[in-house]
Amino acid sequence: MDYYFDAQNKILGRLASEIAKILQGKHRPTFEPRLEGKDRIIVRNASKIKVSGKKSEQKICYRHTGYVGHLKKMKYSEKFEKSPAEVLRRAVYMMLPKNKLRAKRIKRLKIEI
């Protein structure tokens, strides 16, 4: 079954937790933690997601290139301008259980900017 979400004027964390719950299959009466689930999710207007509080200016995203001393920093607002779909995908990815099914579940998430 396909689920469609309109992300316009929705809070990032609340939307991500709802998506993670559906990807796991917890909304179904036949939920089993060992099963991948079958539902697909399509999110529209990812560029219009809101972040509550001052997180967009105060939160910092880090990434490492792999070389010594090459830790890169970026404000959350800059990362969101660059790729809003990646911000949402990362939020959902981190809310899924850390096991072998996580990669399979995140593949069923499609994000349209």
PDB file of N, CA and C in Angstrom:
ATOM      1  N   MET A   1       0.844  -1.173   0.000  1.00  0.00           N
ATOM      2  CA  MET A   1       0.000   0.000   0.000  1.00  0.00           C
ATOM      3  C   MET A   1       0.889   1.236   0.000  1.00  0.00           C
ATOM      4  N   ASP A   2       0.464   2.256  -0.720  1.00  0.00           N
ATOM      5  CA  ASP A   2       1.207   3.505  -0.795  1.00  0.00           C
ATOM      6  C   ASP A   2       0.594   4.539   0.132  1.00  0.00           C
ATOM      7  N   TYR A   3       1.469   5.248   0.834  1.00  0.00           N
ATOM      8  CA  TYR A   3       1.051   6.354   1.693  1.00  0.00           C
ATOM      9  C   TYR A   3       1.647   7.630   1.132  1.00  0.00           C
ATOM     10  N   TYR A   4       0.837   8.674   1.045  1.00  0.00           N
ATOM     11  CA  TYR A   4       1.281   9.962   0.533  1.00  0.00           C
ATOM     12  C   TYR A   4       1.248  10.983   1.657  1.00  0.00           C
ATOM     13  N   PHE A   5       2.346  11.720   1.818  1.00  0.00           N
ATOM     14  CA  PHE A   5       2.438  12.770   2.827  1.00  0.00           C
ATOM     15  C   PHE A   5       2.733  14.087   2.136  1.00  0.00           C
ATOM     16  N   ASP A   6       2.033  15.133   2.540  1.00  0.00           N
ATOM     17  CA  ASP A   6       2.340  16.482   2.103  1.00  0.00           C
ATOM     18  C   ASP A   6       3.101  17.146   3.249  1.00  0.00           C
ATOM     19  N   ALA A   7       4.376  17.437   3.030  1.00  0.00           N
ATOM     20  CA  ALA A   7       5.241  17.924   4.104  1.00  0.00           C
ATOM     21  C   ALA A   7       5.154  19.434   4.304  1.00  0.00           C
ATOM     22  N   GLN A   8       4.294  20.091   3.582  1.00  0.00           N
ATOM     23  CA  GLN A   8       4.199  21.547   3.694  1.00  0.00           C
ATOM     24  C   GLN A   8       3.734  21.944   5.090  1.00  0.00           C
ATOM     25  N   ASN A   9       4.514  22.826   5.748  1.00  0.00           N
ATOM     26  CA  ASN A   9       4.235  23.372   7.079  1.00  0.00           C
ATOM     27  C   ASN A   9       4.173  22.299   8.168  1.00  0.00           C
ATOM     28  N   LYS A  10       4.874  21.173   7.993  1.00  0.00           N
ATOM     29  CA  LYS A  10       4.935  20.144   9.032  1.00  0.00           C
ATOM     30  C   LYS A  10       6.293  20.201   9.715  1.00  0.00           C
ATOM     31  N   ILE A  11       6.326  19.817  10.980  1.00  0.00           N
ATOM     32  CA  ILE A  11       7.554  19.793  11.751  1.00  0.00           C
ATOM     33  C   ILE A  11       8.375  18.558  11.352  1.00  0.00           C
ATOM     34  N   LEU A  12       9.663  18.745  11.167  1.00  0.00           N
ATOM     35  CA  LEU A  12      10.542  17.685  10.669  1.00  0.00           C
ATOM     36  C   LEU A  12      10.507  16.428  11.531  1.00  0.00           C
ATOM     37  N   GLY A  13      10.695  16.542  12.828  1.00  0.00           N
ATOM     38  CA  GLY A  13      10.769  15.378  13.706  1.00  0.00           C
ATOM     39  C   GLY A  13       9.460  14.619  13.810  1.00  0.00           C
ATOM     40  N   ARG A  14       8.365  15.347  13.872  1.00  0.00           N
ATOM     41  CA  ARG A  14       7.062  14.681  13.980  1.00  0.00           C
ATOM     42  C   ARG A  14       6.722  13.921  12.700  1.00  0.00           C
ATOM     43  N   LEU A  15       7.045  14.502  11.552  1.00  0.00           N
ATOM     44  CA  LEU A  15       6.813  13.834  10.281  1.00  0.00           C
ATOM     45  C   LEU A  15       7.707  12.603  10.152  1.00  0.00           C
ATOM     46  N   ALA A  16       8.973  12.738  10.535  1.00  0.00           N
ATOM     47  CA  ALA A  16       9.917  11.625  10.422  1.00  0.00           C
ATOM     48  C   ALA A  16       9.510  10.449  11.316  1.00  0.00           C
ATOM     49  N   SER A  17       9.016  10.731  12.524  1.00  0.00           N
ATOM     50  CA  SER A  17       8.620   9.632  13.412  1.00  0.00           C
ATOM     51  C   SER A  17       7.383   8.915  12.883  1.00  0.00           C
ATOM     52  N   GLU A  18       6.478   9.652  12.287  1.00  0.00           N
ATOM     53  CA  GLU A  18       5.287   9.027  11.703  1.00  0.00           C
ATOM     54  C   GLU A  18       5.662   8.149  10.509  1.00  0.00           C
ATOM     55  N   ILE A  19       6.590   8.625   9.693  1.00  0.00           N
ATOM     56  CA  ILE A  19       7.053   7.853   8.536  1.00  0.00           C
ATOM     57  C   ILE A  19       7.780   6.596   9.002  1.00  0.00           C
ATOM     58  N   ALA A  20       8.623   6.706  10.021  1.00  0.00           N
ATOM     59  CA  ALA A  20       9.373   5.549  10.523  1.00  0.00           C
ATOM     60  C   ALA A  20       8.437   4.480  11.067  1.00  0.00           C
ATOM     61  N   LYS A  21       7.370   4.902  11.707  1.00  0.00           N
ATOM     62  CA  LYS A  21       6.401   3.952  12.252  1.00  0.00           C
ATOM     63  C   LYS A  21       5.733   3.153  11.133  1.00  0.00           C
ATOM     64  N   ILE A  22       5.393   3.824  10.037  1.00  0.00           N
ATOM     65  CA  ILE A  22       4.737   3.149   8.918  1.00  0.00           C
ATOM     66  C   ILE A  22       5.718   2.233   8.189  1.00  0.00           C
ATOM     67  N   LEU A  23       6.973   2.676   8.014  1.00  0.00           N
ATOM     68  CA  LEU A  23       7.965   1.843   7.337  1.00  0.00           C
ATOM     69  C   LEU A  23       8.225   0.544   8.095  1.00  0.00           C
ATOM     70  N   GLN A  24       8.140   0.578   9.409  1.00  0.00           N
ATOM     71  CA  GLN A  24       8.332  -0.631  10.212  1.00  0.00           C
ATOM     72  C   GLN A  24       7.104  -1.530  10.183  1.00  0.00           C
ATOM     73  N   GLY A  25       5.930  -0.958   9.882  1.00  0.00           N
ATOM     74  CA  GLY A  25       4.701  -1.731   9.862  1.00  0.00           C
ATOM     75  C   GLY A  25       4.004  -1.765  11.202  1.00  0.00           C
ATOM     76  N   LYS A  26       4.337  -0.842  12.108  1.00  0.00           N
ATOM     77  CA  LYS A  26       3.748  -0.845  13.444  1.00  0.00           C
ATOM     78  C   LYS A  26       2.285  -0.442  13.460  1.00  0.00           C
ATOM     79  N   HIS A  27       1.795   0.130  12.388  1.00  0.00           N
ATOM     80  CA  HIS A  27       0.399   0.550  12.334  1.00  0.00           C
ATOM     81  C   HIS A  27      -0.533  -0.598  11.975  1.00  0.00           C
ATOM     82  N   ARG A  28       0.021  -1.730  11.588  1.00  0.00           N
ATOM     83  CA  ARG A  28      -0.786  -2.885  11.190  1.00  0.00           C
ATOM     84  C   ARG A  28      -1.007  -3.834  12.372  1.00  0.00           C
ATOM     85  N   PRO A  29      -2.152  -4.496  12.413  1.00  0.00           N
ATOM     86  CA  PRO A  29      -2.390  -5.453  13.500  1.00  0.00           C
ATOM     87  C   PRO A  29      -1.516  -6.704  13.386  1.00  0.00           C
ATOM     88  N   THR A  30      -0.942  -6.958  12.219  1.00  0.00           N
ATOM     89  CA  THR A  30      -0.100  -8.132  12.011  1.00  0.00           C
ATOM     90  C   THR A  30       1.387  -7.788  12.135  1.00  0.00           C
ATOM     91  N   PHE A  31       1.730  -6.798  12.943  1.00  0.00           N
ATOM     92  CA  PHE A  31       3.116  -6.340  13.065  1.00  0.00           C
ATOM     93  C   PHE A  31       4.008  -7.415  13.661  1.00  0.00           C
ATOM     94  N   GLU A  32       5.152  -7.639  13.010  1.00  0.00           N
ATOM     95  CA  GLU A  32       6.198  -8.527  13.524  1.00  0.00           C
ATOM     96  C   GLU A  32       7.523  -7.788  13.376  1.00  0.00           C
ATOM     97  N   PRO A  33       8.302  -7.633  14.425  1.00  0.00           N
ATOM     98  CA  PRO A  33       9.561  -6.891  14.334  1.00  0.00           C
ATOM     99  C   PRO A  33      10.570  -7.492  13.357  1.00  0.00           C
ATOM    100  N   ARG A  34      10.489  -8.791  13.117  1.00  0.00           N
ATOM    101  CA  ARG A  34      11.465  -9.449  12.251  1.00  0.00           C
ATOM    102  C   ARG A  34      11.152  -9.286  10.773  1.00  0.00           C
ATOM    103  N   LEU A  35       9.942  -8.793  10.445  1.00  0.00           N
ATOM    104  CA  LEU A  35       9.560  -8.630   9.046  1.00  0.00           C
ATOM    105  C   LEU A  35       9.832  -7.214   8.570  1.00  0.00           C
ATOM    106  N   GLU A  36      10.117  -7.100   7.290  1.00  0.00           N
ATOM    107  CA  GLU A  36      10.493  -5.815   6.696  1.00  0.00           C
ATOM    108  C   GLU A  36       9.319  -4.859   6.573  1.00  0.00           C
ATOM    109  N   GLY A  37       8.152  -5.354   6.225  1.00  0.00           N
ATOM    110  CA  GLY A  37       6.994  -4.505   5.951  1.00  0.00           C
ATOM    111  C   GLY A  37       6.832  -4.337   4.453  1.00  0.00           C
ATOM    112  N   LYS A  38       5.672  -3.848   4.020  1.00  0.00           N
ATOM    113  CA  LYS A  38       5.401  -3.765   2.591  1.00  0.00           C
ATOM    114  C   LYS A  38       4.978  -2.381   2.133  1.00  0.00           C
ATOM    115  N   ASP A  39       4.717  -1.478   3.052  1.00  0.00           N
ATOM    116  CA  ASP A  39       4.174  -0.170   2.685  1.00  0.00           C
ATOM    117  C   ASP A  39       5.261   0.742   2.136  1.00  0.00           C
ATOM    118  N   ARG A  40       4.881   1.508   1.097  1.00  0.00           N
ATOM    119  CA  ARG A  40       5.777   2.508   0.528  1.00  0.00           C
ATOM    120  C   ARG A  40       5.260   3.888   0.901  1.00  0.00           C
ATOM    121  N   ILE A  41       6.174   4.829   1.024  1.00  0.00           N
ATOM    122  CA  ILE A  41       5.798   6.192   1.409  1.00  0.00           C
ATOM    123  C   ILE A  41       6.355   7.164   0.386  1.00  0.00           C
ATOM    124  N   ILE A  42       5.506   8.088  -0.042  1.00  0.00           N
ATOM    125  CA  ILE A  42       5.894   9.143  -0.967  1.00  0.00           C
ATOM    126  C   ILE A  42       5.625  10.475  -0.282  1.00  0.00           C
ATOM    127  N   VAL A  43       6.670  11.291  -0.158  1.00  0.00           N
ATOM    128  CA  VAL A  43       6.570  12.583   0.524  1.00  0.00           C
ATOM    129  C   VAL A  43       6.709  13.683  -0.516  1.00  0.00           C
ATOM    130  N   ARG A  44       5.765  14.603  -0.504  1.00  0.00           N
ATOM    131  CA  ARG A  44       5.799  15.751  -1.422  1.00  0.00           C
ATOM    132  C   ARG A  44       6.112  17.022  -0.645  1.00  0.00           C
ATOM    133  N   ASN A  45       6.629  18.023  -1.337  1.00  0.00           N
ATOM    134  CA  ASN A  45       6.947  19.347  -0.772  1.00  0.00           C
ATOM    135  C   ASN A  45       7.941  19.252   0.379  1.00  0.00           C
ATOM    136  N   ALA A  46       8.987  18.476   0.204  1.00  0.00           N
ATOM    137  CA  ALA A  46       9.996  18.328   1.256  1.00  0.00           C
ATOM    138  C   ALA A  46      10.747  19.632   1.504  1.00  0.00           C
ATOM    139  N   SER A  47      10.770  20.511   0.542  1.00  0.00           N
ATOM    140  CA  SER A  47      11.487  21.777   0.716  1.00  0.00           C
ATOM    141  C   SER A  47      10.722  22.754   1.605  1.00  0.00           C
ATOM    142  N   LYS A  48       9.483  22.438   1.972  1.00  0.00           N
ATOM    143  CA  LYS A  48       8.660  23.340   2.781  1.00  0.00           C
ATOM    144  C   LYS A  48       8.479  22.841   4.216  1.00  0.00           C
ATOM    145  N   ILE A  49       9.354  21.928   4.648  1.00  0.00           N
ATOM    146  CA  ILE A  49       9.312  21.418   6.023  1.00  0.00           C
ATOM    147  C   ILE A  49       9.801  22.505   6.970  1.00  0.00           C
ATOM    148  N   LYS A  50       9.206  22.547   8.144  1.00  0.00           N
ATOM    149  CA  LYS A  50       9.624  23.511   9.157  1.00  0.00           C
ATOM    150  C   LYS A  50      10.422  22.807  10.249  1.00  0.00           C
ATOM    151  N   VAL A  51      11.298  23.573  10.894  1.00  0.00           N
ATOM    152  CA  VAL A  51      12.063  23.084  12.029  1.00  0.00           C
ATOM    153  C   VAL A  51      11.723  23.991  13.199  1.00  0.00           C
ATOM    154  N   SER A  52      11.354  23.398  14.324  1.00  0.00           N
ATOM    155  CA  SER A  52      10.909  24.199  15.458  1.00  0.00           C
ATOM    156  C   SER A  52      12.084  24.833  16.189  1.00  0.00           C
ATOM    157  N   GLY A  53      11.823  25.941  16.848  1.00  0.00           N
ATOM    158  CA  GLY A  53      12.831  26.615  17.653  1.00  0.00           C
ATOM    159  C   GLY A  53      13.923  27.263  16.817  1.00  0.00           C
ATOM    160  N   LYS A  54      15.107  27.331  17.391  1.00  0.00           N
ATOM    161  CA  LYS A  54      16.249  27.953  16.724  1.00  0.00           C
ATOM    162  C   LYS A  54      17.206  26.910  16.142  1.00  0.00           C
ATOM    163  N   LYS A  55      16.703  25.705  15.900  1.00  0.00           N
ATOM    164  CA  LYS A  55      17.553  24.622  15.429  1.00  0.00           C
ATOM    165  C   LYS A  55      18.215  24.936  14.092  1.00  0.00           C
ATOM    166  N   SER A  56      17.523  25.641  13.219  1.00  0.00           N
ATOM    167  CA  SER A  56      18.080  25.891  11.892  1.00  0.00           C
ATOM    168  C   SER A  56      19.348  26.728  11.946  1.00  0.00           C
ATOM    169  N   GLU A  57      19.493  27.568  12.959  1.00  0.00           N
ATOM    170  CA  GLU A  57      20.689  28.407  13.081  1.00  0.00           C
ATOM    171  C   GLU A  57      21.703  27.848  14.076  1.00  0.00           C
ATOM    172  N   GLN A  58      21.245  27.120  15.099  1.00  0.00           N
ATOM    173  CA  GLN A  58      22.148  26.660  16.151  1.00  0.00           C
ATOM    174  C   GLN A  58      22.679  25.245  15.924  1.00  0.00           C
ATOM    175  N   LYS A  59      21.908  24.392  15.273  1.00  0.00           N
ATOM    176  CA  LYS A  59      22.320  23.004  15.098  1.00  0.00           C
ATOM    177  C   LYS A  59      23.398  22.924  14.019  1.00  0.00           C
ATOM    178  N   ILE A  60      24.415  22.099  14.271  1.00  0.00           N
ATOM    179  CA  ILE A  60      25.521  21.954  13.330  1.00  0.00           C
ATOM    180  C   ILE A  60      25.611  20.495  12.905  1.00  0.00           C
ATOM    181  N   CYS A  61      25.746  20.271  11.595  1.00  0.00           N
ATOM    182  CA  CYS A  61      25.889  18.931  11.043  1.00  0.00           C
ATOM    183  C   CYS A  61      27.360  18.695  10.734  1.00  0.00           C
ATOM    184  N   TYR A  62      27.880  17.555  11.149  1.00  0.00           N
ATOM    185  CA  TYR A  62      29.277  17.224  10.927  1.00  0.00           C
ATOM    186  C   TYR A  62      29.385  16.081   9.940  1.00  0.00           C
ATOM    187  N   ARG A  63      30.478  16.087   9.176  1.00  0.00           N
ATOM    188  CA  ARG A  63      30.813  14.938   8.335  1.00  0.00           C
ATOM    189  C   ARG A  63      32.325  14.881   8.232  1.00  0.00           C
ATOM    190  N   HIS A  64      32.842  13.699   8.030  1.00  0.00           N
ATOM    191  CA  HIS A  64      34.289  13.525   7.990  1.00  0.00           C
ATOM    192  C   HIS A  64      34.678  12.957   6.641  1.00  0.00           C
ATOM    193  N   THR A  65      35.744  13.505   6.044  1.00  0.00           N
ATOM    194  CA  THR A  65      36.174  13.072   4.718  1.00  0.00           C
ATOM    195  C   THR A  65      36.959  11.779   4.758  1.00  0.00           C
ATOM    196  N   GLY A  66      37.500  11.443   5.936  1.00  0.00           N
ATOM    197  CA  GLY A  66      38.308  10.240   6.057  1.00  0.00           C
ATOM    198  C   GLY A  66      39.773  10.550   6.245  1.00  0.00           C
ATOM    199  N   TYR A  67      40.171  11.775   5.996  1.00  0.00           N
ATOM    200  CA  TYR A  67      41.558  12.186   6.197  1.00  0.00           C
ATOM    201  C   TYR A  67      41.706  12.859   7.562  1.00  0.00           C
ATOM    202  N   VAL A  68      42.897  12.807   8.098  1.00  0.00           N
ATOM    203  CA  VAL A  68      43.163  13.367   9.418  1.00  0.00           C
ATOM    204  C   VAL A  68      42.940  14.882   9.392  1.00  0.00           C
ATOM    205  N   GLY A  69      42.124  15.378  10.315  1.00  0.00           N
ATOM    206  CA  GLY A  69      41.892  16.816  10.426  1.00  0.00           C
ATOM    207  C   GLY A  69      40.890  17.375   9.436  1.00  0.00           C
ATOM    208  N   HIS A  70      40.146  16.538   8.755  1.00  0.00           N
ATOM    209  CA  HIS A  70      39.200  17.007   7.741  1.00  0.00           C
ATOM    210  C   HIS A  70      37.754  16.839   8.195  1.00  0.00           C
ATOM    211  N   LEU A  71      37.451  17.340   9.365  1.00  0.00           N
ATOM    212  CA  LEU A  71      36.082  17.338   9.869  1.00  0.00           C
ATOM    213  C   LEU A  71      35.373  18.572   9.325  1.00  0.00           C
ATOM    214  N   LYS A  72      34.299  18.389   8.601  1.00  0.00           N
ATOM    215  CA  LYS A  72      33.579  19.495   7.977  1.00  0.00           C
ATOM    216  C   LYS A  72      32.337  19.823   8.791  1.00  0.00           C
ATOM    217  N   LYS A  73      32.064  21.112   8.958  1.00  0.00           N
ATOM    218  CA  LYS A  73      30.887  21.581   9.684  1.00  0.00           C
ATOM    219  C   LYS A  73      29.980  22.346   8.734  1.00  0.00           C
ATOM    220  N   MET A  74      28.680  22.251   8.983  1.00  0.00           N
ATOM    221  CA  MET A  74      27.711  22.994   8.189  1.00  0.00           C
ATOM    222  C   MET A  74      26.500  23.276   9.071  1.00  0.00           C
ATOM    223  N   LYS A  75      25.992  24.487   9.015  1.00  0.00           N
ATOM    224  CA  LYS A  75      24.781  24.803   9.764  1.00  0.00           C
ATOM    225  C   LYS A  75      23.616  24.040   9.156  1.00  0.00           C
ATOM    226  N   TYR A  76      22.629  23.786   9.982  1.00  0.00           N
ATOM    227  CA  TYR A  76      21.458  23.025   9.549  1.00  0.00           C
ATOM    228  C   TYR A  76      20.716  23.743   8.426  1.00  0.00           C
ATOM    229  N   SER A  77      20.653  25.068   8.500  1.00  0.00           N
ATOM    230  CA  SER A  77      19.955  25.831   7.467  1.00  0.00           C
ATOM    231  C   SER A  77      20.662  25.713   6.121  1.00  0.00           C
ATOM    232  N   GLU A  78      22.001  25.691   6.115  1.00  0.00           N
ATOM    233  CA  GLU A  78      22.754  25.537   4.868  1.00  0.00           C
ATOM    234  C   GLU A  78      22.535  24.154   4.278  1.00  0.00           C
ATOM    235  N   LYS A  79      22.529  23.138   5.141  1.00  0.00           N
ATOM    236  CA  LYS A  79      22.314  21.767   4.664  1.00  0.00           C
ATOM    237  C   LYS A  79      20.904  21.606   4.106  1.00  0.00           C
ATOM    238  N   PHE A  80      19.941  22.265   4.749  1.00  0.00           N
ATOM    239  CA  PHE A  80      18.557  22.172   4.288  1.00  0.00           C
ATOM    240  C   PHE A  80      18.379  22.862   2.938  1.00  0.00           C
ATOM    241  N   GLU A  81      19.052  23.996   2.734  1.00  0.00           N
ATOM    242  CA  GLU A  81      18.984  24.680   1.437  1.00  0.00           C
ATOM    243  C   GLU A  81      19.607  23.833   0.338  1.00  0.00           C
ATOM    244  N   LYS A  82      20.696  23.148   0.684  1.00  0.00           N
ATOM    245  CA  LYS A  82      21.410  22.331  -0.299  1.00  0.00           C
ATOM    246  C   LYS A  82      20.601  21.098  -0.707  1.00  0.00           C
ATOM    247  N   SER A  83      20.024  20.400   0.299  1.00  0.00           N
ATOM    248  CA  SER A  83      19.302  19.164   0.008  1.00  0.00           C
ATOM    249  C   SER A  83      18.246  18.878   1.076  1.00  0.00           C
ATOM    250  N   PRO A  84      17.024  19.407   0.917  1.00  0.00           N
ATOM    251  CA  PRO A  84      15.985  19.143   1.917  1.00  0.00           C
ATOM    252  C   PRO A  84      15.560  17.670   1.964  1.00  0.00           C
ATOM    253  N   ALA A  85      15.655  16.980   0.843  1.00  0.00           N
ATOM    254  CA  ALA A  85      15.281  15.565   0.821  1.00  0.00           C
ATOM    255  C   ALA A  85      16.244  14.744   1.664  1.00  0.00           C
ATOM    256  N   GLU A  86      17.516  15.083   1.619  1.00  0.00           N
ATOM    257  CA  GLU A  86      18.509  14.346   2.383  1.00  0.00           C
ATOM    258  C   GLU A  86      18.338  14.568   3.884  1.00  0.00           C
ATOM    259  N   VAL A  87      17.924  15.759   4.280  1.00  0.00           N
ATOM    260  CA  VAL A  87      17.685  16.052   5.700  1.00  0.00           C
ATOM    261  C   VAL A  87      16.546  15.183   6.226  1.00  0.00           C
ATOM    262  N   LEU A  88      15.458  15.077   5.468  1.00  0.00           N
ATOM    263  CA  LEU A  88      14.323  14.250   5.887  1.00  0.00           C
ATOM    264  C   LEU A  88      14.694  12.776   5.882  1.00  0.00           C
ATOM    265  N   ARG A  89      15.399  12.331   4.850  1.00  0.00           N
ATOM    266  CA  ARG A  89      15.794  10.928   4.760  1.00  0.00           C
ATOM    267  C   ARG A  89      16.690  10.540   5.942  1.00  0.00           C
ATOM    268  N   ARG A  90      17.598  11.411   6.313  1.00  0.00           N
ATOM    269  CA  ARG A  90      18.500  11.148   7.434  1.00  0.00           C
ATOM    270  C   ARG A  90      17.732  11.088   8.753  1.00  0.00           C
ATOM    271  N   ALA A  91      16.740  11.972   8.916  1.00  0.00           N
ATOM    272  CA  ALA A  91      15.939  11.972  10.138  1.00  0.00           C
ATOM    273  C   ALA A  91      15.159  10.662  10.277  1.00  0.00           C
ATOM    274  N   VAL A  92      14.572  10.191   9.180  1.00  0.00           N
ATOM    275  CA  VAL A  92      13.824   8.933   9.207  1.00  0.00           C
ATOM    276  C   VAL A  92      14.776   7.760   9.435  1.00  0.00           C
ATOM    277  N   TYR A  93      15.925   7.792   8.766  1.00  0.00           N
ATOM    278  CA  TYR A  93      16.906   6.713   8.871  1.00  0.00           C
ATOM    279  C   TYR A  93      17.372   6.519  10.305  1.00  0.00           C
ATOM    280  N   MET A  94      17.598   7.624  11.006  1.00  0.00           N
ATOM    281  CA  MET A  94      18.072   7.525  12.384  1.00  0.00           C
ATOM    282  C   MET A  94      16.976   7.098  13.356  1.00  0.00           C
ATOM    283  N   MET A  95      15.699   7.184  12.954  1.00  0.00           N
ATOM    284  CA  MET A  95      14.597   6.759  13.814  1.00  0.00           C
ATOM    285  C   MET A  95      14.232   5.287  13.628  1.00  0.00           C
ATOM    286  N   LEU A  96      14.744   4.671  12.582  1.00  0.00           N
ATOM    287  CA  LEU A  96      14.488   3.246  12.369  1.00  0.00           C
ATOM    288  C   LEU A  96      15.412   2.419  13.266  1.00  0.00           C
ATOM    289  N   PRO A  97      14.994   1.195  13.631  1.00  0.00           N
ATOM    290  CA  PRO A  97      15.846   0.349  14.458  1.00  0.00           C
ATOM    291  C   PRO A  97      17.162   0.021  13.756  1.00  0.00           C
ATOM    292  N   LYS A  98      18.227  -0.033  14.539  1.00  0.00           N
ATOM    293  CA  LYS A  98      19.561  -0.264  13.991  1.00  0.00           C
ATOM    294  C   LYS A  98      19.774  -1.766  13.808  1.00  0.00           C
ATOM    295  N   ASN A  99      19.312  -2.300  12.673  1.00  0.00           N
ATOM    296  CA  ASN A  99      19.488  -3.716  12.379  1.00  0.00           C
ATOM    297  C   ASN A  99      19.575  -3.909  10.859  1.00  0.00           C
ATOM    298  N   LYS A 100      19.553  -5.142  10.403  1.00  0.00           N
ATOM    299  CA  LYS A 100      19.745  -5.435   8.979  1.00  0.00           C
ATOM    300  C   LYS A 100      18.578  -4.967   8.116  1.00  0.00           C
ATOM    301  N   LEU A 101      17.422  -4.747   8.715  1.00  0.00           N
ATOM    302  CA  LEU A 101      16.246  -4.344   7.948  1.00  0.00           C
ATOM    303  C   LEU A 101      16.217  -2.851   7.644  1.00  0.00           C
ATOM    304  N   ARG A 102      17.059  -2.060   8.313  1.00  0.00           N
ATOM    305  CA  ARG A 102      16.998  -0.610   8.161  1.00  0.00           C
ATOM    306  C   ARG A 102      17.257  -0.181   6.720  1.00  0.00           C
ATOM    307  N   ALA A 103      18.228  -0.753   6.044  1.00  0.00           N
ATOM    308  CA  ALA A 103      18.541  -0.383   4.663  1.00  0.00           C
ATOM    309  C   ALA A 103      17.397  -0.752   3.717  1.00  0.00           C
ATOM    310  N   LYS A 104      16.770  -1.882   3.963  1.00  0.00           N
ATOM    311  CA  LYS A 104      15.655  -2.309   3.120  1.00  0.00           C
ATOM    312  C   LYS A 104      14.435  -1.411   3.316  1.00  0.00           C
ATOM    313  N   ARG A 105      14.208  -0.996   4.554  1.00  0.00           N
ATOM    314  CA  ARG A 105      13.044  -0.152   4.851  1.00  0.00           C
ATOM    315  C   ARG A 105      13.203   1.243   4.275  1.00  0.00           C
ATOM    316  N   ILE A 106      14.397   1.803   4.344  1.00  0.00           N
ATOM    317  CA  ILE A 106      14.592   3.180   3.873  1.00  0.00           C
ATOM    318  C   ILE A 106      14.491   3.260   2.342  1.00  0.00           C
ATOM    319  N   LYS A 107      14.677   2.144   1.657  1.00  0.00           N
ATOM    320  CA  LYS A 107      14.542   2.133   0.187  1.00  0.00           C
ATOM    321  C   LYS A 107      13.104   2.348  -0.245  1.00  0.00           C
ATOM    322  N   ARG A 108      12.152   2.083   0.645  1.00  0.00           N
ATOM    323  CA  ARG A 108      10.732   2.254   0.307  1.00  0.00           C
ATOM    324  C   ARG A 108      10.242   3.670   0.558  1.00  0.00           C
ATOM    325  N   LEU A 109      11.148   4.591   0.855  1.00  0.00           N
ATOM    326  CA  LEU A 109      10.813   5.996   1.073  1.00  0.00           C
ATOM    327  C   LEU A 109      11.223   6.818  -0.137  1.00  0.00           C
ATOM    328  N   LYS A 110      10.279   7.454  -0.773  1.00  0.00           N
ATOM    329  CA  LYS A 110      10.544   8.320  -1.924  1.00  0.00           C
ATOM    330  C   LYS A 110      10.209   9.749  -1.540  1.00  0.00           C
ATOM    331  N   ILE A 111      11.130  10.656  -1.793  1.00  0.00           N
ATOM    332  CA  ILE A 111      10.952  12.054  -1.402  1.00  0.00           C
ATOM    333  C   ILE A 111      11.003  12.941  -2.637  1.00  0.00           C
ATOM    334  N   GLU A 112       9.966  13.759  -2.799  1.00  0.00           N
ATOM    335  CA  GLU A 112       9.901  14.709  -3.911  1.00  0.00           C
ATOM    336  C   GLU A 112      10.093  16.108  -3.340  1.00  0.00           C
ATOM    337  N   ILE A 113      10.933  16.854  -3.976  1.00  0.00           N
ATOM    338  CA  ILE A 113      11.219  18.211  -3.490  1.00  0.00           C
ATOM    339  C   ILE A 113      10.170  19.134  -4.031  1.00  0.00           C
TER     340      ILE A 113
END
